[in-house]
């Protein structure tokens, strides 16, 4: 009897690195899929990370604030490949949103994720040299808070 039990144990696969499927884990995965999965994305199994990854999602990782014109994408800093200039644009550009605004090119920039109180675009901090103090302004060119009072 002992010999047959040891043979049987050798033939059974070892489940060291496997994950037990529980109802809690299934519910957690469903909630994550509902939160991040959209019509442009799909699930893929990653062997290196040993988990499912949502690929092709429109949600940018470095988005600043929600776009005030389309309310779907996020405003983010983009550098033009052609001119090498930086500007703020919407991540929903390829679906028709044309919200963009130029940034200062020679200044040191600090971008915050706090929206402007008047136009909902992100607030930027800038200075041209290390001796100057940081100045704060809205990144939207047409914002009322940016227009100087003469």
C-alpha atoms as a PDB file:
ATOM      1  CA  UNK A   1       0.000   0.000   0.000  1.00  0.00           C
ATOM      2  CA  UNK A   2       2.734   2.444   0.843  1.00  0.00           C
ATOM      3  CA  UNK A   3       4.460   1.884  -2.461  1.00  0.00           C
ATOM      4  CA  UNK A   4       1.321   2.611  -4.519  1.00  0.00           C
ATOM      5  CA  UNK A   5       0.637   5.799  -2.523  1.00  0.00           C
ATOM      6  CA  UNK A   6       4.127   7.125  -3.225  1.00  0.00           C
ATOM      7  CA  UNK A   7       3.757   6.364  -6.955  1.00  0.00           C
ATOM      8  CA  UNK A   8       0.419   8.165  -6.974  1.00  0.00           C
ATOM      9  CA  UNK A   9       1.944  11.221  -5.273  1.00  0.00           C
ATOM     10  CA  UNK A  10       4.726  11.376  -7.869  1.00  0.00           C
ATOM     11  CA  UNK A  11       2.266  11.435 -10.759  1.00  0.00           C
ATOM     12  CA  UNK A  12       0.176  14.290  -9.325  1.00  0.00           C
ATOM     13  CA  UNK A  13       1.261  17.720 -10.578  1.00  0.00           C
ATOM     14  CA  UNK A  14       2.669  20.053  -7.984  1.00  0.00           C
ATOM     15  CA  UNK A  15       0.660  23.245  -7.546  1.00  0.00           C
ATOM     16  CA  UNK A  16       3.222  25.515  -5.940  1.00  0.00           C
ATOM     17  CA  UNK A  17       2.803  28.737  -7.882  1.00  0.00           C
ATOM     18  CA  UNK A  18      -0.841  28.383  -8.817  1.00  0.00           C
ATOM     19  CA  UNK A  19      -3.487  30.814  -7.613  1.00  0.00           C
ATOM     20  CA  UNK A  20      -6.590  29.534  -5.920  1.00  0.00           C
ATOM     21  CA  UNK A  21      -9.690  30.826  -7.591  1.00  0.00           C
ATOM     22  CA  UNK A  22     -12.026  32.121  -4.930  1.00  0.00           C
ATOM     23  CA  UNK A  23     -15.244  34.078  -5.186  1.00  0.00           C
ATOM     24  CA  UNK A  24     -13.542  37.125  -3.656  1.00  0.00           C
ATOM     25  CA  UNK A  25     -10.782  37.129  -6.279  1.00  0.00           C
ATOM     26  CA  UNK A  26     -13.290  36.694  -9.103  1.00  0.00           C
ATOM     27  CA  UNK A  27     -15.366  39.614  -7.789  1.00  0.00           C
ATOM     28  CA  UNK A  28     -12.213  41.732  -7.441  1.00  0.00           C
ATOM     29  CA  UNK A  29     -11.200  40.998 -11.033  1.00  0.00           C
ATOM     30  CA  UNK A  30     -14.708  41.798 -12.298  1.00  0.00           C
ATOM     31  CA  UNK A  31     -14.706  45.148 -10.502  1.00  0.00           C
ATOM     32  CA  UNK A  32     -11.273  46.030 -11.941  1.00  0.00           C
ATOM     33  CA  UNK A  33     -12.403  45.087 -15.444  1.00  0.00           C
ATOM     34  CA  UNK A  34     -15.544  47.234 -15.110  1.00  0.00           C
ATOM     35  CA  UNK A  35     -13.444  50.154 -13.898  1.00  0.00           C
ATOM     36  CA  UNK A  36     -10.684  50.139 -16.541  1.00  0.00           C
ATOM     37  CA  UNK A  37     -12.056  48.192 -19.519  1.00  0.00           C
ATOM     38  CA  UNK A  38     -13.542  50.237 -22.367  1.00  0.00           C
ATOM     39  CA  UNK A  39     -14.523  49.508 -25.980  1.00  0.00           C
ATOM     40  CA  UNK A  40     -10.984  50.128 -27.293  1.00  0.00           C
ATOM     41  CA  UNK A  41      -9.175  47.817 -24.864  1.00  0.00           C
ATOM     42  CA  UNK A  42      -8.692  44.076 -24.484  1.00  0.00           C
ATOM     43  CA  UNK A  43      -7.392  41.603 -21.893  1.00  0.00           C
ATOM     44  CA  UNK A  44      -4.030  39.900 -22.302  1.00  0.00           C
ATOM     45  CA  UNK A  45      -2.182  37.410 -20.078  1.00  0.00           C
ATOM     46  CA  UNK A  46       1.303  38.552 -19.053  1.00  0.00           C
ATOM     47  CA  UNK A  47       3.689  35.667 -18.362  1.00  0.00           C
ATOM     48  CA  UNK A  48       6.288  37.900 -16.708  1.00  0.00           C
ATOM     49  CA  UNK A  49       3.810  39.511 -14.294  1.00  0.00           C
ATOM     50  CA  UNK A  50       1.642  36.377 -13.963  1.00  0.00           C
ATOM     51  CA  UNK A  51      -1.607  38.303 -14.284  1.00  0.00           C
ATOM     52  CA  UNK A  52      -4.073  39.699 -16.802  1.00  0.00           C
ATOM     53  CA  UNK A  53      -3.338  43.174 -18.170  1.00  0.00           C
ATOM     54  CA  UNK A  54      -5.773  45.518 -19.902  1.00  0.00           C
ATOM     55  CA  UNK A  55      -4.136  46.711 -23.140  1.00  0.00           C
ATOM     56  CA  UNK A  56      -5.182  49.416 -25.571  1.00  0.00           C
ATOM     57  CA  UNK A  57      -7.050  51.478 -23.012  1.00  0.00           C
ATOM     58  CA  UNK A  58      -7.572  55.171 -23.729  1.00  0.00           C
ATOM     59  CA  UNK A  59      -6.851  56.113 -20.122  1.00  0.00           C
ATOM     60  CA  UNK A  60      -3.485  57.910 -20.094  1.00  0.00           C
ATOM     61  CA  UNK A  61      -1.173  57.320 -17.156  1.00  0.00           C
ATOM     62  CA  UNK A  62       0.211  60.851 -17.189  1.00  0.00           C
ATOM     63  CA  UNK A  63      -3.073  62.745 -17.614  1.00  0.00           C
ATOM     64  CA  UNK A  64      -3.413  65.978 -15.656  1.00  0.00           C
ATOM     65  CA  UNK A  65      -7.118  66.902 -15.506  1.00  0.00           C
ATOM     66  CA  UNK A  66     -10.274  65.875 -17.372  1.00  0.00           C
ATOM     67  CA  UNK A  67     -10.637  67.704 -20.690  1.00  0.00           C
ATOM     68  CA  UNK A  68     -13.138  70.580 -20.309  1.00  0.00           C
ATOM     69  CA  UNK A  69     -14.256  70.469 -23.954  1.00  0.00           C
ATOM     70  CA  UNK A  70     -14.977  66.749 -24.531  1.00  0.00           C
ATOM     71  CA  UNK A  71     -15.271  65.497 -20.891  1.00  0.00           C
ATOM     72  CA  UNK A  72     -13.891  62.076 -21.984  1.00  0.00           C
ATOM     73  CA  UNK A  73     -10.129  62.430 -22.415  1.00  0.00           C
ATOM     74  CA  UNK A  74      -7.507  63.941 -20.154  1.00  0.00           C
ATOM     75  CA  UNK A  75      -5.276  66.932 -20.791  1.00  0.00           C
ATOM     76  CA  UNK A  76      -1.615  65.944 -20.900  1.00  0.00           C
ATOM     77  CA  UNK A  77       1.779  67.341 -21.880  1.00  0.00           C
ATOM     78  CA  UNK A  78       2.723  66.344 -25.423  1.00  0.00           C
ATOM     79  CA  UNK A  79       5.981  66.996 -27.278  1.00  0.00           C
ATOM     80  CA  UNK A  80       5.684  67.374 -31.038  1.00  0.00           C
ATOM     81  CA  UNK A  81       7.922  64.951 -32.928  1.00  0.00           C
ATOM     82  CA  UNK A  82       8.243  67.320 -35.857  1.00  0.00           C
ATOM     83  CA  UNK A  83       8.996  70.650 -34.145  1.00  0.00           C
ATOM     84  CA  UNK A  84      10.104  69.309 -30.721  1.00  0.00           C
ATOM     85  CA  UNK A  85       7.839  71.878 -29.039  1.00  0.00           C
ATOM     86  CA  UNK A  86       5.733  71.015 -26.010  1.00  0.00           C
ATOM     87  CA  UNK A  87       2.059  71.792 -25.566  1.00  0.00           C
ATOM     88  CA  UNK A  88      -0.967  70.628 -23.605  1.00  0.00           C
ATOM     89  CA  UNK A  89      -3.445  68.535 -25.578  1.00  0.00           C
ATOM     90  CA  UNK A  90      -6.324  66.141 -25.047  1.00  0.00           C
ATOM     91  CA  UNK A  91      -5.779  62.375 -25.047  1.00  0.00           C
ATOM     92  CA  UNK A  92      -9.047  62.056 -27.010  1.00  0.00           C
ATOM     93  CA  UNK A  93      -7.531  63.861 -30.032  1.00  0.00           C
ATOM     94  CA  UNK A  94      -7.967  60.931 -32.431  1.00  0.00           C
ATOM     95  CA  UNK A  95     -11.688  60.764 -31.641  1.00  0.00           C
ATOM     96  CA  UNK A  96     -12.296  64.408 -32.540  1.00  0.00           C
ATOM     97  CA  UNK A  97     -11.349  66.589 -29.556  1.00  0.00           C
ATOM     98  CA  UNK A  98      -9.196  69.558 -30.597  1.00  0.00           C
ATOM     99  CA  UNK A  99      -8.458  71.068 -27.164  1.00  0.00           C
ATOM    100  CA  UNK A 100      -4.827  72.210 -27.058  1.00  0.00           C
ATOM    101  CA  UNK A 101      -2.770  75.089 -25.745  1.00  0.00           C
ATOM    102  CA  UNK A 102       0.925  75.954 -26.203  1.00  0.00           C
ATOM    103  CA  UNK A 103       3.392  75.902 -23.319  1.00  0.00           C
ATOM    104  CA  UNK A 104       6.391  78.115 -22.656  1.00  0.00           C
ATOM    105  CA  UNK A 105       9.361  76.604 -24.498  1.00  0.00           C
ATOM    106  CA  UNK A 106      12.418  78.112 -22.795  1.00  0.00           C
ATOM    107  CA  UNK A 107      11.073  78.233 -19.266  1.00  0.00           C
ATOM    108  CA  UNK A 108      11.355  75.600 -16.563  1.00  0.00           C
ATOM    109  CA  UNK A 109       7.871  74.230 -16.015  1.00  0.00           C
ATOM    110  CA  UNK A 110       6.077  72.727 -13.083  1.00  0.00           C
ATOM    111  CA  UNK A 111       2.678  71.261 -13.865  1.00  0.00           C
ATOM    112  CA  UNK A 112       0.026  70.639 -11.223  1.00  0.00           C
ATOM    113  CA  UNK A 113      -3.029  68.417 -11.411  1.00  0.00           C
ATOM    114  CA  UNK A 114      -5.221  71.121  -9.895  1.00  0.00           C
ATOM    115  CA  UNK A 115      -7.680  72.660 -12.363  1.00  0.00           C
ATOM    116  CA  UNK A 116      -8.148  76.406 -12.838  1.00  0.00           C
ATOM    117  CA  UNK A 117     -11.193  77.796 -11.033  1.00  0.00           C
ATOM    118  CA  UNK A 118     -12.465  79.614 -14.146  1.00  0.00           C
ATOM    119  CA  UNK A 119     -11.755  77.331 -17.113  1.00  0.00           C
ATOM    120  CA  UNK A 120     -10.837  73.890 -15.581  1.00  0.00           C
ATOM    121  CA  UNK A 121      -7.468  73.667 -17.404  1.00  0.00           C
ATOM    122  CA  UNK A 122      -4.384  72.689 -15.328  1.00  0.00           C
ATOM    123  CA  UNK A 123      -2.342  75.301 -13.451  1.00  0.00           C
ATOM    124  CA  UNK A 124       1.346  75.638 -14.415  1.00  0.00           C
ATOM    125  CA  UNK A 125       4.330  77.045 -12.519  1.00  0.00           C
ATOM    126  CA  UNK A 126       7.169  78.537 -14.556  1.00  0.00           C
ATOM    127  CA  UNK A 127      10.383  80.515 -14.292  1.00  0.00           C
ATOM    128  CA  UNK A 128      13.006  81.482 -16.862  1.00  0.00           C
ATOM    129  CA  UNK A 129      16.085  81.456 -14.636  1.00  0.00           C
ATOM    130  CA  UNK A 130      17.018  80.096 -11.239  1.00  0.00           C
ATOM    131  CA  UNK A 131      17.126  83.603  -9.789  1.00  0.00           C
ATOM    132  CA  UNK A 132      13.480  84.275 -10.572  1.00  0.00           C
ATOM    133  CA  UNK A 133      10.637  83.145  -8.361  1.00  0.00           C
ATOM    134  CA  UNK A 134       8.152  80.589  -9.592  1.00  0.00           C
ATOM    135  CA  UNK A 135       5.123  82.241 -11.204  1.00  0.00           C
ATOM    136  CA  UNK A 136       1.717  80.605 -11.343  1.00  0.00           C
ATOM    137  CA  UNK A 137      -0.768  80.830 -14.209  1.00  0.00           C
ATOM    138  CA  UNK A 138      -3.435  78.883 -16.081  1.00  0.00           C
ATOM    139  CA  UNK A 139      -2.226  76.803 -19.042  1.00  0.00           C
ATOM    140  CA  UNK A 140      -5.168  77.897 -21.232  1.00  0.00           C
ATOM    141  CA  UNK A 141      -4.284  80.840 -23.502  1.00  0.00           C
ATOM    142  CA  UNK A 142      -7.882  82.145 -23.549  1.00  0.00           C
ATOM    143  CA  UNK A 143      -8.564  81.974 -19.803  1.00  0.00           C
ATOM    144  CA  UNK A 144      -9.970  85.091 -18.094  1.00  0.00           C
ATOM    145  CA  UNK A 145      -7.536  84.735 -15.186  1.00  0.00           C
ATOM    146  CA  UNK A 146      -4.604  84.976 -17.618  1.00  0.00           C
ATOM    147  CA  UNK A 147      -5.691  88.198 -19.321  1.00  0.00           C
ATOM    148  CA  UNK A 148      -3.720  91.077 -17.825  1.00  0.00           C
ATOM    149  CA  UNK A 149      -5.606  93.984 -16.295  1.00  0.00           C
ATOM    150  CA  UNK A 150      -4.405  97.241 -17.861  1.00  0.00           C
END
